[in-house]
Amino acid sequence: MSKMFENSNKLVTVYVGNEWTTTSVNNSADTFYNCTSIVGGKGTTYNANHIDKAYAHIDGGPSNPGYFTEKSAATRGDVDDNGNVNISDLTTLTNFLLKGHW
């Protein structure tokens, strides 16, 4: 994980699932070095004093700051990822298939 996002100064959002963990990471030096635009899901912003795995988790706000944003598991069939399956999803999928994108 060392230098994973280093100098990604245009990186704003990193989505992870709620099972994301860094417990087995041994080297996380400079993971977020110079990621000056990153913002966690609850508003935590870049802090040059926190550039290792300590902030590589879902942002819990001021009581548990982190640089990541939680991404819920997708609903099967929800092509546009708006939280529900509807005719728009069916239309998008149908058009995709009819254009030969498989």
Protein backbone atom coordinates (compact mmCIF):
# COMPACT_ATOMS: atom_id res chain seq x y z
CA MET A 1 0.00 0.00 0.00
CA SER A 2 3.07 2.21 0.24
CA LYS A 3 2.75 5.20 -2.11
CA MET A 4 -0.53 3.80 -3.50
CA PHE A 5 -2.09 7.22 -4.21
CA GLU A 6 1.10 9.29 -3.94
CA ASN A 7 0.94 12.61 -5.83
CA SER A 8 -2.65 11.99 -6.96
CA ASN A 9 -3.49 15.60 -6.27
CA LYS A 10 -6.65 15.46 -8.42
CA LEU A 11 -8.04 12.44 -6.56
CA VAL A 12 -11.19 13.49 -4.73
CA THR A 13 -13.21 10.39 -3.79
CA VAL A 14 -12.21 6.80 -3.07
CA TYR A 15 -15.14 4.41 -2.66
CA VAL A 16 -14.80 1.24 -0.59
CA GLY A 17 -17.21 -1.34 0.79
CA ASN A 18 -17.84 -1.61 4.52
CA GLU A 19 -15.63 -4.70 4.73
CA TRP A 20 -12.53 -2.76 3.61
CA THR A 21 -9.62 -3.27 5.97
CA THR A 22 -5.91 -2.53 6.18
CA THR A 23 -5.14 -4.92 9.04
CA SER A 24 -2.67 -6.97 6.98
CA VAL A 25 -0.88 -3.95 5.48
CA ASN A 26 2.75 -3.82 6.62
CA ASN A 27 4.01 -0.77 4.74
CA SER A 28 1.78 2.23 4.14
CA ALA A 29 4.35 5.03 3.97
CA ASP A 30 3.28 7.99 1.83
CA THR A 31 0.01 6.31 0.78
CA PHE A 32 -1.72 9.70 0.54
CA TYR A 33 1.32 11.94 0.06
CA ASN A 34 0.26 15.09 -1.84
CA CYS A 35 -3.38 13.94 -2.29
CA THR A 36 -4.41 17.50 -1.60
CA SER A 37 -7.93 17.21 -3.09
CA ILE A 38 -9.08 14.04 -1.32
CA VAL A 39 -12.28 14.26 0.73
CA GLY A 40 -13.80 11.50 2.84
CA GLY A 41 -17.53 10.74 2.74
CA LYS A 42 -18.24 12.84 5.83
CA GLY A 43 -16.05 15.77 4.83
CA THR A 44 -12.59 14.88 6.12
CA THR A 45 -10.05 16.72 3.98
CA TYR A 46 -6.37 16.14 3.29
CA ASN A 47 -3.99 16.59 6.20
CA ALA A 48 -0.27 16.31 5.48
CA ASN A 49 0.20 14.81 8.96
CA HIS A 50 -1.96 11.80 8.02
CA ILE A 51 -0.61 10.22 4.84
CA ASP A 52 -0.29 6.55 5.85
CA LYS A 53 -2.94 3.86 6.41
CA ALA A 54 -4.29 5.57 9.53
CA TYR A 55 -6.83 7.45 7.36
CA ALA A 56 -7.32 4.61 4.83
CA HIS A 57 -10.81 3.80 6.06
CA ILE A 58 -14.40 5.00 5.64
CA ASP A 59 -14.71 8.52 6.96
CA GLY A 60 -16.48 8.62 10.31
CA GLY A 61 -16.45 12.39 10.63
CA PRO A 62 -14.58 14.33 13.33
CA SER A 63 -14.64 11.42 15.79
CA ASN A 64 -13.07 8.95 13.32
CA PRO A 65 -11.65 10.82 10.30
CA GLY A 66 -10.81 8.91 7.14
CA TYR A 67 -10.27 9.59 3.45
CA PHE A 68 -12.66 6.98 2.03
CA THR A 69 -16.37 7.06 1.18
CA GLU A 70 -18.61 4.07 1.79
CA LYS A 71 -20.05 2.46 -1.32
CA SER A 72 -23.04 0.27 -0.62
CA ALA A 73 -23.38 -3.03 -2.42
CA ALA A 74 -25.17 -2.58 -5.73
CA THR A 75 -28.71 -3.78 -6.24
CA ARG A 76 -28.83 -6.47 -8.90
CA GLY A 77 -30.19 -4.95 -12.12
CA ASP A 78 -29.64 -1.34 -11.01
CA VAL A 79 -27.64 -0.33 -14.07
CA ASP A 80 -27.62 3.40 -13.30
CA ASP A 81 -26.78 2.79 -9.60
CA ASN A 82 -29.58 5.01 -8.26
CA GLY A 83 -30.77 2.51 -5.66
CA ASN A 84 -33.69 0.97 -7.50
CA VAL A 85 -34.44 -1.10 -10.57
CA ASN A 86 -36.81 0.51 -13.05
CA ILE A 87 -37.58 0.90 -16.75
CA SER A 88 -34.58 3.20 -17.19
CA ASP A 89 -32.27 0.33 -16.19
CA LEU A 90 -33.98 -2.01 -18.63
CA THR A 91 -33.74 0.53 -21.45
CA THR A 92 -30.05 1.17 -20.81
CA LEU A 93 -29.26 -2.54 -20.69
CA THR A 94 -31.31 -3.28 -23.82
CA ASN A 95 -29.59 -0.52 -25.79
CA PHE A 96 -26.21 -1.76 -24.62
CA LEU A 97 -26.96 -5.30 -25.81
CA LEU A 98 -28.50 -4.21 -29.12
CA LYS A 99 -25.34 -2.28 -29.96
CA GLY A 100 -23.32 -5.49 -29.59
CA HIS A 101 -21.41 -4.62 -26.39
CA TRP A 102 -21.15 -8.11 -24.95
